[in-house]
Amino acid sequence: MIARVLFALLCLAIPAAADAGCSVSASGVAFGNYDGSATSADDATGTITINCFILSGLGGYTIALSPGRDGSYTARRMISGTATLPYQLYADPARTQIWGDGSGGSSTVRSFDIIPLLGGSSTYQIYGRIPARLSPRPGAYNDTIIITVSY
């Protein structure tokens, strides 16, 4: 009995030669209708869910966000036709850490959460903000952000 348990533990400790992989899903940060006369910023949240199977990657992983169409982490902008609306995505609820790739004043989110590394999932909040007292043209504004998970 002891030999079987030891063998089973050794089989778990020695990963098979298989490709590691992750899948990422996200809910958009939906700001809703923006009121330019409001005295406070328009805040919204979204989520990123990571599902991984990485037997040998127990060193954690990093989640990076692209700057969007505008190409700048410090000046993200949604577009509607030719009109733009500034906004920002943050890694923290206080909205002080711009979520990006670590360049241009941005930060990544580093996780040592072992659950998604073993085939489970973890969910992370994205905190969005549109500054107060802007006067955008009416329209449906959007941007496209690419999520990169490195392990």
N, C-alpha and C. Protein backbone atom coordinates (compact mmCIF):
# COMPACT_ATOMS: atom_id res chain seq x y z
N MET A 1 0.82 -1.20 0.00
CA MET A 1 0.00 0.00 0.00
C MET A 1 0.86 1.25 0.00
N ILE A 2 1.90 1.28 0.81
CA ILE A 2 2.77 2.46 0.87
C ILE A 2 3.47 2.67 -0.47
N ALA A 3 3.90 1.61 -1.10
CA ALA A 3 4.58 1.74 -2.39
C ALA A 3 3.65 2.34 -3.44
N ARG A 4 2.39 1.97 -3.43
CA ARG A 4 1.44 2.50 -4.40
C ARG A 4 1.21 3.99 -4.18
N VAL A 5 1.08 4.39 -2.94
CA VAL A 5 0.87 5.80 -2.63
C VAL A 5 2.09 6.61 -3.03
N LEU A 6 3.29 6.11 -2.72
CA LEU A 6 4.51 6.80 -3.08
C LEU A 6 4.63 6.93 -4.60
N PHE A 7 4.33 5.84 -5.32
CA PHE A 7 4.37 5.89 -6.78
C PHE A 7 3.38 6.92 -7.32
N ALA A 8 2.18 6.95 -6.75
CA ALA A 8 1.17 7.92 -7.18
C ALA A 8 1.65 9.34 -6.93
N LEU A 9 2.27 9.59 -5.79
CA LEU A 9 2.79 10.93 -5.50
C LEU A 9 3.91 11.30 -6.45
N LEU A 10 4.79 10.34 -6.78
CA LEU A 10 5.87 10.62 -7.72
C LEU A 10 5.32 10.92 -9.11
N CYS A 11 4.27 10.23 -9.51
CA CYS A 11 3.65 10.51 -10.82
C CYS A 11 3.09 11.92 -10.87
N LEU A 12 2.54 12.39 -9.77
CA LEU A 12 2.02 13.76 -9.74
C LEU A 12 3.14 14.78 -9.74
N ALA A 13 4.28 14.44 -9.14
CA ALA A 13 5.38 15.39 -9.02
C ALA A 13 6.17 15.53 -10.31
N ILE A 14 6.11 14.54 -11.19
CA ILE A 14 6.87 14.58 -12.44
C ILE A 14 5.89 14.86 -13.58
N PRO A 15 5.88 16.10 -14.09
CA PRO A 15 4.90 16.43 -15.13
C PRO A 15 5.17 15.69 -16.43
N ALA A 16 4.13 15.35 -17.11
CA ALA A 16 4.26 14.73 -18.42
C ALA A 16 4.68 15.79 -19.42
N ALA A 17 5.20 15.35 -20.53
CA ALA A 17 5.62 16.29 -21.58
C ALA A 17 4.38 16.74 -22.35
N ALA A 18 3.69 17.70 -21.80
CA ALA A 18 2.49 18.23 -22.44
C ALA A 18 2.58 19.74 -22.50
N ASP A 19 1.90 20.30 -23.46
CA ASP A 19 1.90 21.76 -23.58
C ASP A 19 1.10 22.38 -22.44
N ALA A 20 1.68 23.40 -21.87
CA ALA A 20 0.96 24.19 -20.88
C ALA A 20 0.06 25.15 -21.64
N GLY A 21 -0.97 25.61 -21.00
CA GLY A 21 -1.84 26.55 -21.68
C GLY A 21 -2.79 27.25 -20.75
N CYS A 22 -3.26 28.38 -21.19
CA CYS A 22 -4.23 29.16 -20.43
C CYS A 22 -5.31 29.65 -21.38
N SER A 23 -6.48 29.83 -20.83
CA SER A 23 -7.53 30.52 -21.57
C SER A 23 -7.95 31.72 -20.75
N VAL A 24 -8.34 32.75 -21.44
CA VAL A 24 -8.71 34.00 -20.79
C VAL A 24 -10.08 34.41 -21.29
N SER A 25 -10.94 34.81 -20.36
CA SER A 25 -12.22 35.40 -20.74
C SER A 25 -12.38 36.69 -19.96
N ALA A 26 -13.15 37.59 -20.50
CA ALA A 26 -13.31 38.89 -19.83
C ALA A 26 -14.72 39.41 -20.04
N SER A 27 -15.19 40.14 -19.04
CA SER A 27 -16.42 40.91 -19.22
C SER A 27 -15.98 42.35 -19.45
N GLY A 28 -16.60 43.01 -20.35
CA GLY A 28 -16.22 44.39 -20.66
C GLY A 28 -16.47 45.33 -19.50
N VAL A 29 -15.74 46.41 -19.49
CA VAL A 29 -15.98 47.49 -18.53
C VAL A 29 -17.03 48.39 -19.18
N ALA A 30 -18.27 48.26 -18.74
CA ALA A 30 -19.38 49.00 -19.35
C ALA A 30 -19.70 50.22 -18.49
N PHE A 31 -19.37 51.39 -18.99
CA PHE A 31 -19.59 52.62 -18.23
C PHE A 31 -21.04 53.08 -18.26
N GLY A 32 -21.81 52.63 -19.20
CA GLY A 32 -23.20 53.10 -19.30
C GLY A 32 -23.24 54.50 -19.90
N ASN A 33 -24.30 55.24 -19.65
CA ASN A 33 -24.45 56.60 -20.17
C ASN A 33 -23.60 57.56 -19.35
N TYR A 34 -22.78 58.33 -20.04
CA TYR A 34 -21.90 59.29 -19.37
C TYR A 34 -22.60 60.63 -19.23
N ASP A 35 -22.54 61.19 -18.02
CA ASP A 35 -23.13 62.51 -17.74
C ASP A 35 -22.00 63.51 -17.56
N GLY A 36 -21.75 64.33 -18.57
CA GLY A 36 -20.67 65.31 -18.52
C GLY A 36 -20.85 66.39 -17.48
N SER A 37 -22.06 66.56 -16.95
CA SER A 37 -22.27 67.58 -15.92
C SER A 37 -22.04 67.04 -14.51
N ALA A 38 -21.82 65.74 -14.39
CA ALA A 38 -21.58 65.15 -13.06
C ALA A 38 -20.26 65.67 -12.49
N THR A 39 -20.22 65.86 -11.19
CA THR A 39 -19.01 66.38 -10.54
C THR A 39 -18.05 65.28 -10.13
N SER A 40 -18.47 64.03 -10.24
CA SER A 40 -17.57 62.92 -9.91
C SER A 40 -17.32 62.07 -11.15
N ALA A 41 -16.19 61.38 -11.14
CA ALA A 41 -15.82 60.53 -12.26
C ALA A 41 -16.83 59.40 -12.43
N ASP A 42 -16.90 58.87 -13.63
CA ASP A 42 -17.77 57.73 -13.93
C ASP A 42 -16.94 56.46 -13.79
N ASP A 43 -17.21 55.68 -12.76
CA ASP A 43 -16.46 54.46 -12.49
C ASP A 43 -17.26 53.23 -12.89
N ALA A 44 -16.55 52.21 -13.35
CA ALA A 44 -17.17 50.93 -13.71
C ALA A 44 -16.14 49.83 -13.52
N THR A 45 -16.60 48.60 -13.45
CA THR A 45 -15.68 47.47 -13.31
C THR A 45 -16.00 46.40 -14.34
N GLY A 46 -15.02 45.57 -14.57
CA GLY A 46 -15.15 44.39 -15.41
C GLY A 46 -14.34 43.28 -14.77
N THR A 47 -14.31 42.12 -15.38
CA THR A 47 -13.54 41.01 -14.83
C THR A 47 -12.71 40.33 -15.90
N ILE A 48 -11.62 39.74 -15.45
CA ILE A 48 -10.79 38.86 -16.27
C ILE A 48 -10.75 37.53 -15.54
N THR A 49 -11.07 36.45 -16.24
CA THR A 49 -10.99 35.11 -15.64
C THR A 49 -9.92 34.33 -16.37
N ILE A 50 -9.01 33.75 -15.60
CA ILE A 50 -7.89 32.98 -16.13
C ILE A 50 -8.11 31.51 -15.79
N ASN A 51 -8.04 30.64 -16.79
CA ASN A 51 -8.05 29.19 -16.61
C ASN A 51 -6.76 28.65 -17.20
N CYS A 52 -5.97 27.95 -16.40
CA CYS A 52 -4.69 27.44 -16.87
C CYS A 52 -4.51 25.98 -16.51
N PHE A 53 -3.63 25.34 -17.24
CA PHE A 53 -3.13 24.03 -16.86
C PHE A 53 -1.64 24.06 -17.12
N ILE A 54 -0.89 24.31 -16.07
CA ILE A 54 0.56 24.47 -16.18
C ILE A 54 1.20 23.66 -15.06
N LEU A 55 1.56 22.43 -15.33
CA LEU A 55 2.15 21.60 -14.28
C LEU A 55 3.52 22.10 -13.85
N SER A 56 4.31 22.60 -14.78
CA SER A 56 5.66 23.01 -14.43
C SER A 56 5.78 24.51 -14.20
N GLY A 57 4.71 25.25 -14.31
CA GLY A 57 4.79 26.70 -14.20
C GLY A 57 4.33 27.23 -12.87
N LEU A 58 4.77 26.62 -11.79
CA LEU A 58 4.30 27.03 -10.48
C LEU A 58 4.93 28.33 -10.01
N GLY A 59 5.60 29.05 -10.89
CA GLY A 59 6.18 30.34 -10.53
C GLY A 59 5.22 31.49 -10.67
N GLY A 60 3.98 31.22 -11.00
CA GLY A 60 2.99 32.27 -11.14
C GLY A 60 2.87 32.75 -12.57
N TYR A 61 2.10 33.80 -12.75
CA TYR A 61 1.90 34.36 -14.08
C TYR A 61 1.64 35.85 -13.96
N THR A 62 1.77 36.54 -15.09
CA THR A 62 1.58 37.98 -15.16
C THR A 62 0.46 38.28 -16.14
N ILE A 63 -0.41 39.22 -15.76
CA ILE A 63 -1.51 39.64 -16.63
C ILE A 63 -1.22 41.07 -17.07
N ALA A 64 -1.12 41.27 -18.37
CA ALA A 64 -0.86 42.60 -18.93
C ALA A 64 -2.02 43.00 -19.84
N LEU A 65 -2.28 44.29 -19.90
CA LEU A 65 -3.30 44.84 -20.79
C LEU A 65 -2.63 45.75 -21.81
N SER A 66 -3.13 45.73 -23.03
CA SER A 66 -2.60 46.62 -24.07
C SER A 66 -3.10 48.05 -23.82
N PRO A 67 -2.48 49.03 -24.48
CA PRO A 67 -2.93 50.42 -24.29
C PRO A 67 -4.23 50.74 -25.04
N GLY A 68 -4.68 49.85 -25.89
CA GLY A 68 -5.88 50.15 -26.69
C GLY A 68 -5.50 50.81 -28.00
N ARG A 69 -6.49 51.31 -28.71
CA ARG A 69 -6.26 51.88 -30.04
C ARG A 69 -5.39 53.12 -30.03
N ASP A 70 -5.45 53.87 -28.94
CA ASP A 70 -4.70 55.13 -28.88
C ASP A 70 -3.20 54.91 -28.71
N GLY A 71 -2.79 53.73 -28.23
CA GLY A 71 -1.38 53.41 -28.13
C GLY A 71 -0.66 53.99 -26.93
N SER A 72 -1.37 54.57 -25.99
CA SER A 72 -0.73 55.19 -24.83
C SER A 72 -1.41 54.74 -23.55
N TYR A 73 -0.60 54.32 -22.59
CA TYR A 73 -1.18 53.92 -21.30
C TYR A 73 -1.68 55.11 -20.50
N THR A 74 -1.01 56.23 -20.63
CA THR A 74 -1.41 57.39 -19.84
C THR A 74 -2.58 58.15 -20.45
N ALA A 75 -2.92 57.84 -21.71
CA ALA A 75 -4.01 58.57 -22.38
C ALA A 75 -4.89 57.62 -23.18
N ARG A 76 -5.45 56.61 -22.52
CA ARG A 76 -6.38 55.72 -23.23
C ARG A 76 -7.61 56.52 -23.66
N ARG A 77 -8.10 56.20 -24.86
CA ARG A 77 -9.28 56.91 -25.38
C ARG A 77 -10.20 55.93 -26.08
N MET A 78 -11.48 56.05 -25.77
CA MET A 78 -12.50 55.32 -26.53
C MET A 78 -12.86 56.18 -27.73
N ILE A 79 -13.37 55.54 -28.78
CA ILE A 79 -13.76 56.31 -29.96
C ILE A 79 -15.21 56.03 -30.34
N SER A 80 -15.79 57.03 -30.97
CA SER A 80 -17.11 56.93 -31.59
C SER A 80 -17.02 57.75 -32.87
N GLY A 81 -16.83 57.07 -33.99
CA GLY A 81 -16.58 57.79 -35.24
C GLY A 81 -15.24 58.50 -35.14
N THR A 82 -15.26 59.84 -35.25
CA THR A 82 -14.02 60.61 -35.11
C THR A 82 -13.89 61.23 -33.71
N ALA A 83 -14.91 61.08 -32.88
CA ALA A 83 -14.88 61.64 -31.52
C ALA A 83 -14.16 60.68 -30.57
N THR A 84 -13.53 61.24 -29.54
CA THR A 84 -12.84 60.42 -28.55
C THR A 84 -13.33 60.78 -27.15
N LEU A 85 -13.14 59.84 -26.24
CA LEU A 85 -13.51 60.03 -24.83
C LEU A 85 -12.42 59.39 -23.98
N PRO A 86 -11.68 60.20 -23.19
CA PRO A 86 -10.61 59.63 -22.37
C PRO A 86 -11.16 58.74 -21.25
N TYR A 87 -10.41 57.71 -20.95
CA TYR A 87 -10.75 56.80 -19.85
C TYR A 87 -9.47 56.14 -19.38
N GLN A 88 -9.57 55.39 -18.31
CA GLN A 88 -8.40 54.65 -17.84
C GLN A 88 -8.84 53.34 -17.21
N LEU A 89 -7.95 52.34 -17.25
CA LEU A 89 -8.16 51.05 -16.61
C LEU A 89 -7.11 50.88 -15.52
N TYR A 90 -7.56 50.43 -14.37
CA TYR A 90 -6.68 50.31 -13.21
C TYR A 90 -6.70 48.90 -12.65
N ALA A 91 -5.62 48.56 -11.95
CA ALA A 91 -5.49 47.25 -11.32
C ALA A 91 -5.97 47.25 -9.88
N ASP A 92 -6.25 48.41 -9.31
CA ASP A 92 -6.62 48.50 -7.90
C ASP A 92 -7.92 49.29 -7.73
N PRO A 93 -8.68 48.99 -6.66
CA PRO A 93 -9.95 49.69 -6.45
C PRO A 93 -9.81 51.19 -6.21
N ALA A 94 -8.66 51.63 -5.70
CA ALA A 94 -8.44 53.06 -5.48
C ALA A 94 -8.16 53.79 -6.79
N ARG A 95 -7.96 53.02 -7.85
CA ARG A 95 -7.69 53.56 -9.19
C ARG A 95 -6.45 54.45 -9.22
N THR A 96 -5.36 53.88 -8.69
CA THR A 96 -4.07 54.57 -8.70
C THR A 96 -3.02 53.87 -9.55
N GLN A 97 -3.19 52.56 -9.83
CA GLN A 97 -2.22 51.79 -10.61
C GLN A 97 -2.79 51.51 -12.00
N ILE A 98 -2.29 52.22 -12.99
CA ILE A 98 -2.74 52.01 -14.37
C ILE A 98 -2.34 50.60 -14.79
N TRP A 99 -3.31 49.82 -15.28
CA TRP A 99 -3.05 48.44 -15.68
C TRP A 99 -2.59 48.43 -17.12
N GLY A 100 -1.35 48.00 -17.34
CA GLY A 100 -0.77 47.94 -18.67
C GLY A 100 0.20 46.79 -18.77
N ASP A 101 1.36 47.06 -19.39
CA ASP A 101 2.38 46.02 -19.56
C ASP A 101 3.65 46.32 -18.77
N GLY A 102 3.59 47.31 -17.89
CA GLY A 102 4.76 47.68 -17.09
C GLY A 102 5.54 48.83 -17.68
N SER A 103 5.17 49.30 -18.86
CA SER A 103 5.86 50.43 -19.48
C SER A 103 4.97 51.67 -19.43
N GLY A 104 5.55 52.81 -19.72
CA GLY A 104 4.79 54.05 -19.83
C GLY A 104 3.99 54.41 -18.59
N GLY A 105 4.52 54.10 -17.41
CA GLY A 105 3.82 54.43 -16.17
C GLY A 105 2.74 53.43 -15.78
N SER A 106 2.70 52.29 -16.45
CA SER A 106 1.69 51.28 -16.14
C SER A 106 2.27 50.14 -15.31
N SER A 107 1.38 49.33 -14.75
CA SER A 107 1.76 48.17 -13.95
C SER A 107 1.07 46.93 -14.52
N THR A 108 1.67 45.78 -14.27
CA THR A 108 1.01 44.51 -14.58
C THR A 108 0.45 43.94 -13.29
N VAL A 109 -0.35 42.90 -13.41
CA VAL A 109 -0.82 42.17 -12.24
C VAL A 109 -0.09 40.84 -12.24
N ARG A 110 0.63 40.58 -11.17
CA ARG A 110 1.38 39.33 -11.01
C ARG A 110 0.64 38.47 -10.01
N SER A 111 0.43 37.21 -10.35
CA SER A 111 -0.29 36.31 -9.48
C SER A 111 0.52 35.06 -9.21
N PHE A 112 0.52 34.67 -7.96
CA PHE A 112 1.11 33.40 -7.57
C PHE A 112 0.01 32.44 -7.12
N ASP A 113 -1.21 32.73 -7.53
CA ASP A 113 -2.37 31.91 -7.21
C ASP A 113 -2.19 30.55 -7.88
N ILE A 114 -2.12 29.50 -7.10
CA ILE A 114 -1.84 28.17 -7.64
C ILE A 114 -3.07 27.51 -8.25
N ILE A 115 -4.26 27.96 -7.92
CA ILE A 115 -5.49 27.31 -8.40
C ILE A 115 -5.57 27.27 -9.93
N PRO A 116 -5.41 28.41 -10.64
CA PRO A 116 -5.51 28.30 -12.10
C PRO A 116 -4.35 27.53 -12.71
N LEU A 117 -3.21 27.48 -12.01
CA LEU A 117 -2.06 26.76 -12.55
C LEU A 117 -2.31 25.26 -12.55
N LEU A 118 -3.22 24.80 -11.74
CA LEU A 118 -3.51 23.37 -11.66
C LEU A 118 -4.82 23.01 -12.34
N GLY A 119 -5.34 23.90 -13.13
CA GLY A 119 -6.54 23.61 -13.90
C GLY A 119 -7.79 24.29 -13.40
N GLY A 120 -7.70 25.09 -12.37
CA GLY A 120 -8.85 25.84 -11.88
C GLY A 120 -8.91 27.20 -12.54
N SER A 121 -9.64 28.11 -11.93
CA SER A 121 -9.72 29.45 -12.49
C SER A 121 -9.64 30.50 -11.39
N SER A 122 -9.19 31.67 -11.76
CA SER A 122 -9.17 32.83 -10.87
C SER A 122 -9.72 34.02 -11.62
N THR A 123 -10.40 34.89 -10.89
CA THR A 123 -11.01 36.07 -11.49
C THR A 123 -10.40 37.33 -10.90
N TYR A 124 -10.11 38.29 -11.76
CA TYR A 124 -9.49 39.55 -11.37
C TYR A 124 -10.40 40.69 -11.80
N GLN A 125 -10.49 41.72 -10.98
CA GLN A 125 -11.30 42.89 -11.29
C GLN A 125 -10.49 43.89 -12.11
N ILE A 126 -11.14 44.49 -13.09
CA ILE A 126 -10.59 45.63 -13.82
C ILE A 126 -11.40 46.84 -13.36
N TYR A 127 -10.71 47.90 -12.99
CA TYR A 127 -11.38 49.11 -12.49
C TYR A 127 -11.24 50.21 -13.54
N GLY A 128 -12.35 50.66 -14.08
CA GLY A 128 -12.33 51.69 -15.12
C GLY A 128 -12.81 53.03 -14.60
N ARG A 129 -12.35 54.09 -15.25
CA ARG A 129 -12.77 55.45 -14.86
C ARG A 129 -12.75 56.37 -16.07
N ILE A 130 -13.83 57.15 -16.20
CA ILE A 130 -13.88 58.28 -17.13
C ILE A 130 -13.88 59.53 -16.26
N PRO A 131 -12.99 60.49 -16.53
CA PRO A 131 -12.94 61.70 -15.70
C PRO A 131 -14.27 62.47 -15.74
N ALA A 132 -14.50 63.25 -14.71
CA ALA A 132 -15.71 64.08 -14.61
C ALA A 132 -15.61 65.30 -15.52
N ARG A 133 -16.78 65.87 -15.80
CA ARG A 133 -16.92 67.17 -16.48
C ARG A 133 -16.31 67.23 -17.88
N LEU A 134 -16.51 66.19 -18.65
CA LEU A 134 -16.10 66.20 -20.05
C LEU A 134 -17.34 66.46 -20.90
N SER A 135 -17.14 66.92 -22.12
CA SER A 135 -18.26 67.19 -23.02
C SER A 135 -18.10 66.42 -24.33
N PRO A 136 -18.24 65.10 -24.27
CA PRO A 136 -18.08 64.33 -25.51
C PRO A 136 -19.30 64.47 -26.41
N ARG A 137 -19.08 64.25 -27.70
CA ARG A 137 -20.21 64.20 -28.63
C ARG A 137 -21.04 62.97 -28.31
N PRO A 138 -22.35 63.04 -28.49
CA PRO A 138 -23.18 61.84 -28.26
C PRO A 138 -22.74 60.71 -29.18
N GLY A 139 -22.79 59.49 -28.66
CA GLY A 139 -22.43 58.33 -29.46
C GLY A 139 -22.11 57.14 -28.58
N ALA A 140 -21.88 56.02 -29.22
CA ALA A 140 -21.47 54.79 -28.53
C ALA A 140 -19.95 54.68 -28.64
N TYR A 141 -19.26 54.84 -27.54
CA TYR A 141 -17.81 54.84 -27.51
C TYR A 141 -17.29 53.46 -27.11
N ASN A 142 -16.16 53.06 -27.70
CA ASN A 142 -15.56 51.79 -27.33
C ASN A 142 -14.07 51.79 -27.62
N ASP A 143 -13.41 50.80 -27.09
CA ASP A 143 -11.99 50.58 -27.34
C ASP A 143 -11.77 49.07 -27.28
N THR A 144 -10.67 48.61 -27.80
CA THR A 144 -10.32 47.19 -27.76
C THR A 144 -9.02 47.03 -26.99
N ILE A 145 -9.06 46.20 -25.97
CA ILE A 145 -7.90 45.94 -25.13
C ILE A 145 -7.52 44.47 -25.29
N ILE A 146 -6.23 44.21 -25.49
CA ILE A 146 -5.73 42.84 -25.59
C ILE A 146 -5.17 42.44 -24.23
N ILE A 147 -5.58 41.28 -23.74
CA ILE A 147 -5.11 40.74 -22.46
C ILE A 147 -4.03 39.70 -22.77
N THR A 148 -2.86 39.84 -22.14
CA THR A 148 -1.77 38.90 -22.32
C THR A 148 -1.44 38.25 -20.99
N VAL A 149 -1.42 36.92 -20.96
CA VAL A 149 -1.03 36.17 -19.76
C VAL A 149 0.31 35.51 -20.05
N SER A 150 1.32 35.84 -19.25
CA SER A 150 2.67 35.27 -19.41
C SER A 150 2.98 34.39 -18.22
N TYR A 151 3.47 33.19 -18.48
CA TYR A 151 3.81 32.26 -17.40
C TYR A 151 5.11 31.57 -17.68
